[in-house]
Structures are given as structure tokens and as C-alpha cells.
Amino acid sequence: MFRAAGVLWVASLAACVTVRAPSRTAVPKCPEPGALAATRAAASEEAEEEDGDEIHDEVTDDGASGELPPPAPPRPHPLAGLSDAELDRRVAEDLASLGPISVGRPNAGALVNGVQMPPSPEWEIVNPRETWGTPETIDALARAIRAVHARFPNTRPLPIGDISDRDGGPLAPHISHQSGRDVDVGYYYTTDDKWYTTANGDNLDLPRTWAFVRALVTETDVEVIFIDRRIQKLLRAYAESIGEDTGWLDQLFGGPTSRMRPLIRHEKGHRTHIHVRFYNPIAQESGRRLYRSLLAHKVIKPPTYYVKYKARRGDTLLRIARKFHTSVKAIKRANRLRSNRIFATRVYRIPRRGGVAPPAKPLAIPARRLPPPRGTAAVATARPAQPLQAEPAPAG
């Protein structure tokens, strides 16, 4: 039902690329400053210490502290002039005319009128069935990837993992990825490694990976980027070695000169991939205004949300499931439990279904965290200099 709204947009984006067979030849390493050698070696040694049972995705609405940048100027919304009555009529009779809709939160939401990530020689889609998102998400991801190819023309395709299911909602084995705004992507490697290879100081292509992260920060409305702290150390050391502004890097990674909430944060299990969450000013505002109509007309089901419960002595999963009117299977999935064993005083996430109240006011999107002007020339490497700005992906 939701495919029609995005067909023209997908066609326009797919038409602007020439599909060719992905090259699997080794990518030559970009020359790096010698000061990175010790950092790479240390990271390689750390990588030998496994995380144990890594959680593929425990990324939800985290409680990171710190200030946010001031809000960016609000953007015109295509539905701004329509009354609530007209919007309700369209939900019932002409849903596609409302465009993409991101409902609720990343870990308790839905996606309406989403579009599928189109093929391109610049990226490689791992599972097409789970790469549905909003046009804002797809555009932003494509823009950041193209920034890397603009600087390094011989770059191999970047693997793209899960975004969302066609209609959003729970997407196993994730907790987030429910509203078309979360994306899993691979790292760029200096070796011929495949999707979900653990990155370390020996195989990580720092120039390309940093160019990708930098483009996400400076050219898109990114909300948060989750990267394992060991990979963060490598990326920050590389950025410093090419002259990026230290104060700006403190804003991104966290540091003594910044009071802002870090934009790049650690999350266990993210040495194999990067998790990116985008703001969607258009689709999120549509979701806020249309939420009750979508529920009333049964376009979406009430999104699942989570409450926290501290287990007590004598508790069992079955007892907790009955208390919260859920199932043992749902609790195990929400907490990545492999058995029915639980521990007293440990806090568990309990899934509930009943909807998520939309915010009363439109979302304020923070301004992008741009580096000082002197930092823009610092991304040059031994390769011929090219503009960092990638060609914007077509919209429609």
C-alpha cells in the first residue's frame, strides 16, 4: 500500500547512477601521518580482546548528557496549510498524497509511505527487504557516501545493512530501526573485507571512513552516530593528524573544551558497523500531526514501547510477563536473553503496546556542527584535492 508514494523518488535517484559491477580489487591505502602508527597498533591489540556476546543493536533513545546546539531555522512543511480535518480525510482516502511519515521514536514507531534504498555502484545493499526509510534518510545517506567517492574515486561500494521494514515497527534483531531514520552501514577497509567484518587498526581505511563520518556531520541532519570507542580513538587520532580543529572534535567525540552532548557515541557491538540516526524534519512532523488519524484509520498499530523493571528475588520471566501483560518471548527478545534465567536487582526492559503520545510542538532540529573555516582545508591527503561537498542526491 505504501510503495506508490516513493516510486517516482526512487526512479529519479536510480536514474542518476550508472550501475556497474562492484570492484573487488584491493583498495590502495591512502598515505597517513606517521603519528598514527602507535594508535593503530594499540587498537589492533585491543581488538584481540573480544566483547563476548556482542549485542547487535541496543541503540534506543539513550540518556547521553550535555547540551545541544541551538535549533536550526524551521523549514517549510508541505502539509502546513492543511487543516486537521483535511489531513484526516487524506489518511482515509488518499494516503500516498501525504508523503513519507516517520511515526513515534526509533525504538517505538512505524513508517508510512517509505521508499526503498535504490541500487548504486557506490553502495552495496545487504538485505533489500529491510532497507526502507524516508526520502530524507535515503538522501542523507547517499549524500555522505558520494562525498567519499568525490574525494576518493576508486572507493569500493559501502555495505548498507538494515534501515527499517517496509512499514516500520519491530525489526529483529533490532530494538530501534522502527521509524525509517536509523541506518546500519559498514566501515571502509583497506583489505577486501566483507560486511560485518570487525574493524581494527590493521584493516580500517581511516581516510575514507573519516570522510564519511565528516560528511554525515557537516552535510546531513544527523542525530547521533554510534561507533565503538576503539574505532573512535582511531578516527579522532587520524582527524587530529590531518589538522582538524580540536575544539570541533571535542564537540563530536566529547572532550574537555565542549559542553555539548557528543554526536559520536560508544555502543557495544559497533566495531562491525556504524549505526547512524538522522533527523527527518519533514517526515517526523508529518508523523506528529498524523499520528492519531493513522491509529484511528488502522493504518498503523499502536507502537511498542518499553518500561524498565528491576527484578526482585523470586521473580521469573513468566511472572513478569503476566504482570505486564506481555510474553516471555517478547521480554527475552527485548533484553537479548538466551535463556529464562534472570537476576535479582538487575533492570530489564519490558515491552508494552499502547502507543506513544506525539509531542505537543514541532520538533526543533539542532543546527549542524560545522568546523571552523580553517578546518575545511585540513581534510586534504596525498591524493589530488577535490571538493568535499558531494553532489546532492535528487529529491522527489
Protein backbone atom coordinates (compact mmCIF):
# COMPACT_ATOMS: atom_id res chain seq x y z
CA MET A 1 0.00 0.00 0.00
CA PHE A 2 2.86 2.38 0.71
CA ARG A 3 5.00 1.72 -2.35
CA ALA A 4 3.37 4.23 -4.71
CA ALA A 5 4.37 7.33 -2.76
CA GLY A 6 8.05 6.67 -3.24
CA VAL A 7 8.19 5.23 -6.77
CA LEU A 8 8.96 8.49 -8.55
CA TRP A 9 11.61 9.43 -5.99
CA VAL A 10 13.36 6.05 -6.22
CA ALA A 11 13.27 6.18 -10.00
CA SER A 12 14.89 9.61 -10.07
CA LEU A 13 17.67 8.55 -7.72
CA ALA A 14 18.30 5.27 -9.52
CA ALA A 15 18.39 7.05 -12.89
CA CYS A 16 21.23 9.33 -11.85
CA VAL A 17 23.71 6.45 -11.41
CA THR A 18 25.28 4.09 -13.90
CA VAL A 19 25.22 0.59 -12.47
CA ARG A 20 28.42 -1.38 -12.88
CA ALA A 21 29.80 -4.49 -11.28
CA PRO A 22 31.38 -3.68 -7.91
CA SER A 23 35.15 -3.87 -7.96
CA ARG A 24 36.66 -6.34 -5.52
CA THR A 25 40.26 -5.37 -6.06
CA ALA A 26 42.19 -4.24 -3.05
CA VAL A 27 41.94 -0.53 -2.35
CA PRO A 28 45.35 1.14 -2.02
CA LYS A 29 45.90 2.69 1.35
CA CYS A 30 45.89 6.46 1.46
CA PRO A 31 49.15 7.78 2.91
CA GLU A 32 48.80 8.60 6.59
CA PRO A 33 50.89 10.63 9.00
CA GLY A 34 53.42 8.53 10.84
CA ALA A 35 51.99 9.54 14.23
CA LEU A 36 49.08 7.18 13.65
CA ALA A 37 51.22 4.05 13.74
CA ALA A 38 51.16 3.73 17.53
CA THR A 39 47.41 4.34 17.67
CA ARG A 40 46.76 1.68 15.01
CA ALA A 41 48.94 -0.83 16.82
CA ALA A 42 47.22 -0.21 20.14
CA ALA A 43 43.80 -0.57 18.56
CA SER A 44 44.79 -3.84 16.91
CA GLU A 45 45.89 -5.22 20.28
CA GLU A 46 42.62 -4.08 21.89
CA ALA A 47 40.67 -5.75 19.11
CA GLU A 48 42.04 -9.10 20.17
CA GLU A 49 40.06 -8.73 23.42
CA GLU A 50 36.60 -9.78 22.29
CA ASP A 51 33.45 -8.17 23.68
CA GLY A 52 31.97 -11.56 24.40
CA ASP A 53 28.31 -11.71 23.44
CA GLU A 54 28.04 -8.52 21.41
CA ILE A 55 24.60 -7.03 21.13
CA HIS A 56 23.87 -6.33 17.50
CA ASP A 57 21.79 -3.29 18.30
CA GLU A 58 20.92 -1.92 21.69
CA VAL A 59 20.58 1.60 20.29
CA THR A 60 17.49 3.33 21.64
CA ASP A 61 16.73 6.78 22.99
CA ASP A 62 19.91 6.98 25.03
CA GLY A 63 20.37 9.24 28.02
CA ALA A 64 23.57 10.94 26.98
CA SER A 65 24.16 14.16 28.88
CA GLY A 66 25.28 17.51 27.57
CA GLU A 67 23.89 20.48 25.73
CA LEU A 68 22.57 20.51 22.18
CA PRO A 69 23.39 23.17 19.59
CA PRO A 70 20.80 25.93 19.13
CA PRO A 71 17.91 24.94 16.86
CA ALA A 72 18.23 25.47 13.15
CA PRO A 73 15.68 27.75 11.45
CA PRO A 74 12.41 25.83 10.85
CA ARG A 75 11.84 24.59 7.32
CA PRO A 76 8.58 24.90 5.36
CA HIS A 77 6.43 21.79 5.65
CA PRO A 78 4.35 20.61 2.67
CA LEU A 79 1.33 19.89 4.91
CA ALA A 80 1.49 23.13 6.92
CA GLY A 81 -1.51 24.72 5.17
CA LEU A 82 -3.84 21.74 5.58
CA SER A 83 -6.42 21.53 8.35
CA ASP A 84 -6.68 18.56 10.68
CA ALA A 85 -9.94 17.60 9.01
CA GLU A 86 -8.33 17.58 5.57
CA LEU A 87 -5.40 15.55 6.86
CA ASP A 88 -7.80 13.02 8.38
CA ARG A 89 -9.67 12.76 5.08
CA ARG A 90 -6.45 12.11 3.19
CA VAL A 91 -5.38 9.43 5.65
CA ALA A 92 -8.64 7.65 4.90
CA GLU A 93 -8.87 8.28 1.16
CA ASP A 94 -5.51 9.35 -0.29
CA LEU A 95 -2.70 8.23 1.98
CA ALA A 96 0.01 8.49 -0.68
CA SER A 97 -0.63 12.23 -1.09
CA LEU A 98 0.69 12.84 2.44
CA GLY A 99 4.23 11.77 1.55
CA PRO A 100 6.63 9.93 3.86
CA ILE A 101 5.68 9.69 7.54
CA SER A 102 8.03 8.76 10.38
CA VAL A 103 5.89 7.82 13.38
CA GLY A 104 6.99 7.80 17.00
CA ARG A 105 10.51 7.05 18.16
CA PRO A 106 13.31 4.91 16.72
CA ASN A 107 12.54 2.19 19.28
CA ALA A 108 8.75 2.60 19.27
CA GLY A 109 7.47 3.70 15.91
CA ALA A 110 6.27 2.98 12.40
CA LEU A 111 6.95 4.04 8.83
CA VAL A 112 4.31 5.07 6.32
CA ASN A 113 4.90 5.82 2.62
CA GLY A 114 8.55 4.84 2.90
CA VAL A 115 10.92 4.34 -0.01
CA GLN A 116 13.44 1.59 -0.62
CA MET A 117 17.18 2.20 -0.92
CA PRO A 118 17.89 2.08 -4.68
CA PRO A 119 20.88 0.26 -6.20
CA SER A 120 24.09 2.16 -6.91
CA PRO A 121 27.72 1.35 -7.74
CA GLU A 122 28.65 3.43 -4.68
CA TRP A 123 26.96 1.19 -2.13
CA GLU A 124 26.06 -2.46 -1.74
CA ILE A 125 22.71 -3.39 -0.22
CA VAL A 126 22.98 -6.38 2.10
CA ASN A 127 19.27 -7.15 2.53
CA PRO A 128 16.91 -5.18 0.24
CA ARG A 129 13.81 -6.27 2.17
CA GLU A 130 14.95 -4.30 5.22
CA THR A 131 16.22 -1.09 3.61
CA TRP A 132 13.07 1.01 3.69
CA GLY A 133 13.32 4.55 5.00
CA THR A 134 12.14 8.08 4.46
CA PRO A 135 13.44 10.04 1.46
CA GLU A 136 15.22 12.32 3.94
CA THR A 137 17.13 9.36 5.37
CA ILE A 138 17.95 7.88 1.95
CA ASP A 139 19.03 11.26 0.57
CA ALA A 140 21.27 11.99 3.56
CA LEU A 141 22.95 8.58 3.43
CA ALA A 142 23.54 8.84 -0.32
CA ARG A 143 24.97 12.34 0.07
CA ALA A 144 27.52 11.22 2.67
CA ILE A 145 28.61 8.20 0.62
CA ARG A 146 29.00 10.31 -2.50
CA ALA A 147 31.19 12.73 -0.59
CA VAL A 148 33.64 9.85 -0.03
CA HIS A 149 33.61 8.92 -3.73
CA ALA A 150 34.11 12.54 -4.74
CA ARG A 151 37.33 12.60 -2.72
CA PHE A 152 38.46 9.03 -3.41
CA PRO A 153 37.19 7.95 -6.86
CA ASN A 154 38.46 4.35 -6.59
CA THR A 155 36.46 3.55 -3.48
CA ARG A 156 34.68 0.21 -3.21
CA PRO A 157 30.92 0.16 -2.52
CA LEU A 158 29.95 0.70 1.10
CA PRO A 159 27.78 -2.09 2.54
CA ILE A 160 24.37 -0.89 3.73
CA GLY A 161 22.66 -3.09 6.30
CA ASP A 162 19.24 -2.59 7.85
CA ILE A 163 17.23 0.62 7.78
CA SER A 164 13.61 -0.34 8.51
CA ASP A 165 10.98 -2.80 7.40
CA ARG A 166 8.56 -1.59 4.74
CA ASP A 167 6.00 -0.47 7.33
CA GLY A 168 8.49 0.14 10.14
CA GLY A 169 7.84 -1.28 13.56
CA PRO A 170 9.90 -4.01 15.29
CA LEU A 171 12.67 -5.40 13.10
CA ALA A 172 14.50 -8.39 14.53
CA PRO A 173 17.12 -8.47 15.95
CA HIS A 174 16.98 -4.71 16.50
CA ILE A 175 15.25 -2.63 19.14
CA SER A 176 15.47 0.58 17.13
CA HIS A 177 15.16 0.81 13.29
CA GLN A 178 11.39 1.23 13.66
CA SER A 179 10.67 4.61 12.06
CA GLY A 180 12.81 4.85 8.91
CA ARG A 181 15.54 7.03 10.43
CA ASP A 182 18.18 4.51 11.60
CA VAL A 183 20.76 3.00 9.26
CA ASP A 184 23.48 0.38 9.71
CA VAL A 185 26.44 0.77 7.36
CA GLY A 186 29.80 -0.94 7.17
CA TYR A 187 33.25 0.55 7.59
CA TYR A 188 35.64 1.27 4.75
CA TYR A 189 38.52 -1.22 4.84
CA THR A 190 42.00 -1.27 3.33
CA THR A 191 41.54 -5.00 2.74
CA ASP A 192 38.91 -6.96 0.83
CA ASP A 193 36.79 -7.50 3.91
CA LYS A 194 33.07 -8.14 3.68
CA TRP A 195 30.03 -6.82 5.52
CA TYR A 196 30.17 -7.16 9.30
CA THR A 197 33.92 -7.63 9.50
CA THR A 198 35.34 -6.39 12.80
CA ALA A 199 37.28 -3.17 12.20
CA ASN A 200 40.66 -2.66 13.83
CA GLY A 201 43.91 -0.77 13.42
CA ASP A 202 45.10 -3.12 10.68
CA ASN A 203 42.14 -3.13 8.29
CA LEU A 204 40.32 0.18 8.83
CA ASP A 205 40.58 2.68 5.97
CA LEU A 206 40.85 5.83 8.06
CA PRO A 207 40.80 8.47 5.29
CA ARG A 208 37.63 7.10 3.72
CA THR A 209 35.86 6.30 6.98
CA TRP A 210 36.65 9.75 8.39
CA ALA A 211 35.48 11.39 5.14
CA PHE A 212 32.19 9.52 5.51
CA VAL A 213 31.71 10.48 9.17
CA ARG A 214 32.70 14.07 8.42
CA ALA A 215 30.15 14.29 5.62
CA LEU A 216 27.44 12.90 7.91
CA VAL A 217 28.18 15.65 10.41
CA THR A 218 28.60 18.59 8.05
CA GLU A 219 26.25 17.76 5.17
CA THR A 220 23.28 16.00 6.78
CA ASP A 221 20.89 16.38 9.70
CA VAL A 222 22.42 13.58 11.72
CA GLU A 223 21.09 13.00 15.24
CA VAL A 224 23.69 10.54 16.53
CA ILE A 225 26.41 8.21 15.25
CA PHE A 226 27.19 5.06 17.24
CA ILE A 227 30.76 3.74 16.86
CA ASP A 228 32.75 1.52 19.19
CA ARG A 229 35.11 3.61 21.34
CA ARG A 230 38.17 1.76 20.00
CA ILE A 231 37.29 2.84 16.47
CA GLN A 232 36.55 6.34 17.74
CA LYS A 233 40.11 6.59 19.06
CA LEU A 234 41.48 5.70 15.63
CA LEU A 235 39.23 8.17 13.83
CA ARG A 236 39.97 11.01 16.23
CA ALA A 237 43.72 10.41 16.06
CA TYR A 238 43.53 10.46 12.27
CA ALA A 239 41.42 13.64 12.24
CA GLU A 240 43.90 15.37 14.56
CA SER A 241 46.83 14.21 12.43
CA ILE A 242 45.40 15.96 9.35
CA GLY A 243 44.78 19.19 11.25
CA GLU A 244 41.09 19.07 12.16
CA ASP A 245 40.14 21.60 14.83
CA THR A 246 40.50 20.11 18.33
CA GLY A 247 37.56 22.04 19.76
CA TRP A 248 35.30 20.83 16.97
CA LEU A 249 36.45 17.24 17.52
CA ASP A 250 35.61 17.64 21.22
CA GLN A 251 32.05 18.52 20.18
CA LEU A 252 31.82 15.35 18.10
CA PHE A 253 33.62 12.80 20.29
CA GLY A 254 33.40 14.51 23.67
CA GLY A 255 36.27 16.38 25.24
CA PRO A 256 37.31 18.98 27.81
CA THR A 257 36.61 22.02 25.64
CA SER A 258 32.99 21.16 24.86
CA ARG A 259 29.85 21.12 26.99
CA MET A 260 27.80 19.71 24.11
CA ARG A 261 26.38 16.22 24.04
CA PRO A 262 28.78 14.13 21.91
CA LEU A 263 27.47 13.43 18.46
CA ILE A 264 29.59 10.27 18.10
CA ARG A 265 28.97 7.83 20.95
CA HIS A 266 30.02 4.38 22.03
CA GLU A 267 27.64 1.47 21.79
CA LYS A 268 28.68 -2.13 22.36
CA GLY A 269 28.72 -4.24 19.22
CA HIS A 270 29.62 -1.42 16.83
CA ARG A 271 33.08 -2.49 15.77
CA THR A 272 31.46 -4.30 12.84
CA HIS A 273 29.31 -1.44 11.60
CA ILE A 274 28.31 2.17 12.13
CA HIS A 275 24.80 2.99 13.32
CA VAL A 276 23.55 6.35 12.06
CA ARG A 277 20.32 8.05 13.12
CA PHE A 278 19.05 11.02 11.13
CA TYR A 279 16.65 13.79 11.97
CA ASN A 280 13.78 13.93 9.48
CA PRO A 281 12.21 17.40 9.79
CA ILE A 282 9.51 16.67 7.21
CA ALA A 283 8.65 13.04 7.96
CA GLN A 284 8.79 13.47 11.75
CA GLU A 285 6.50 16.50 11.69
CA SER A 286 4.09 14.56 9.48
CA GLY A 287 4.19 11.73 12.00
CA ARG A 288 3.44 14.14 14.85
CA ARG A 289 0.39 15.67 13.15
CA LEU A 290 -0.99 12.47 11.63
CA TYR A 291 -0.41 10.01 14.47
CA ARG A 292 -3.95 9.91 15.85
CA SER A 293 -5.54 9.72 12.40
CA LEU A 294 -3.23 6.89 11.39
CA LEU A 295 -4.27 4.96 14.50
CA ALA A 296 -7.97 5.77 14.07
CA HIS A 297 -7.99 4.53 10.47
CA LYS A 298 -5.89 1.50 11.43
CA VAL A 299 -3.08 2.41 9.06
CA ILE A 300 -0.66 1.64 11.90
CA LYS A 301 -0.90 -0.35 15.11
CA PRO A 302 -0.03 1.26 18.44
CA PRO A 303 3.79 1.17 18.51
CA THR A 304 5.53 -0.96 21.10
CA TYR A 305 7.29 0.98 23.83
CA TYR A 306 9.41 -0.11 26.79
CA VAL A 307 9.34 0.32 30.55
CA LYS A 308 12.12 -0.58 32.97
CA TYR A 309 11.62 -3.16 35.71
CA LYS A 310 14.07 -4.10 38.47
CA ALA A 311 13.81 -7.82 39.11
CA ARG A 312 13.17 -8.95 42.66
CA ARG A 313 14.10 -12.13 44.47
CA GLY A 314 11.69 -14.84 43.42
CA ASP A 315 10.77 -13.23 40.08
CA THR A 316 10.58 -15.33 36.94
CA LEU A 317 10.14 -14.28 33.35
CA LEU A 318 6.68 -15.82 33.33
CA ARG A 319 5.64 -13.89 36.44
CA ILE A 320 6.95 -10.62 34.99
CA ALA A 321 5.27 -11.30 31.65
CA ARG A 322 1.91 -11.83 33.36
CA LYS A 323 2.36 -8.70 35.47
CA PHE A 324 2.88 -6.52 32.38
CA HIS A 325 0.52 -8.42 30.04
CA THR A 326 3.25 -9.41 27.63
CA SER A 327 5.06 -12.65 26.77
CA VAL A 328 8.24 -14.36 27.92
CA LYS A 329 9.43 -14.40 24.31
CA ALA A 330 8.96 -10.62 23.98
CA ILE A 331 10.90 -9.92 27.19
CA LYS A 332 13.74 -12.21 26.12
CA ARG A 333 13.95 -10.51 22.75
CA ALA A 334 13.94 -7.02 24.27
CA ASN A 335 16.82 -7.92 26.59
CA ARG A 336 18.79 -10.28 24.31
CA LEU A 337 18.33 -13.15 26.75
CA ARG A 338 19.36 -16.61 25.58
CA SER A 339 17.75 -18.42 28.49
CA ASN A 340 14.97 -17.85 31.01
CA ARG A 341 17.43 -17.07 33.78
CA ILE A 342 17.18 -13.59 35.33
CA PHE A 343 18.89 -11.93 38.29
CA ALA A 344 17.51 -10.00 41.25
CA THR A 345 18.21 -6.22 41.26
CA ARG A 346 19.03 -6.24 37.54
CA VAL A 347 16.94 -3.86 35.43
CA TYR A 348 15.13 -5.33 32.44
CA ARG A 349 13.31 -3.72 29.54
CA ILE A 350 9.65 -4.73 29.34
CA PRO A 351 7.86 -4.23 26.00
CA ARG A 352 4.39 -2.70 26.15
CA ARG A 353 1.92 -1.98 23.39
CA GLY A 354 -0.34 1.02 23.71
CA GLY A 355 1.03 3.82 21.62
CA VAL A 356 3.45 6.68 22.07
CA ALA A 357 1.99 10.13 22.67
CA PRO A 358 3.24 12.52 19.99
CA PRO A 359 4.98 15.71 21.15
CA ALA A 360 2.76 18.75 21.50
CA LYS A 361 5.08 21.01 19.50
CA PRO A 362 7.03 20.53 16.26
CA LEU A 363 10.49 19.04 16.64
CA ALA A 364 13.32 21.56 16.87
CA ILE A 365 16.23 20.29 14.76
CA PRO A 366 19.64 21.36 16.17
CA ALA A 367 21.93 23.31 13.89
CA ARG A 368 24.67 21.29 12.22
CA ARG A 369 28.02 21.18 13.99
CA LEU A 370 30.30 22.72 11.41
CA PRO A 371 34.06 23.05 11.91
CA PRO A 372 35.76 26.45 11.95
CA PRO A 373 36.60 27.74 8.44
CA ARG A 374 40.30 26.97 8.90
CA GLY A 375 39.46 23.28 9.36
CA THR A 376 37.93 22.83 5.92
CA ALA A 377 41.32 22.61 4.25
CA ALA A 378 42.60 20.05 6.72
CA VAL A 379 40.93 17.06 5.08
CA ALA A 380 43.43 17.01 2.22
CA THR A 381 45.54 13.87 1.86
CA ALA A 382 48.24 12.83 -0.54
CA ARG A 383 45.55 12.22 -3.18
CA PRO A 384 44.59 15.10 -5.51
CA ALA A 385 42.40 17.58 -3.67
CA GLN A 386 38.71 17.54 -4.58
CA PRO A 387 35.70 19.36 -3.12
CA LEU A 388 34.34 17.62 -0.05
CA GLN A 389 30.79 18.56 -1.00
CA ALA A 390 29.21 15.64 -2.82
CA GLU A 391 26.58 16.15 -5.49
CA PRO A 392 23.22 16.19 -3.69
CA ALA A 393 21.02 13.20 -4.32
CA PRO A 394 17.92 14.01 -6.39
CA ALA A 395 14.75 14.50 -4.40
CA GLY A 396 11.22 13.91 -5.43
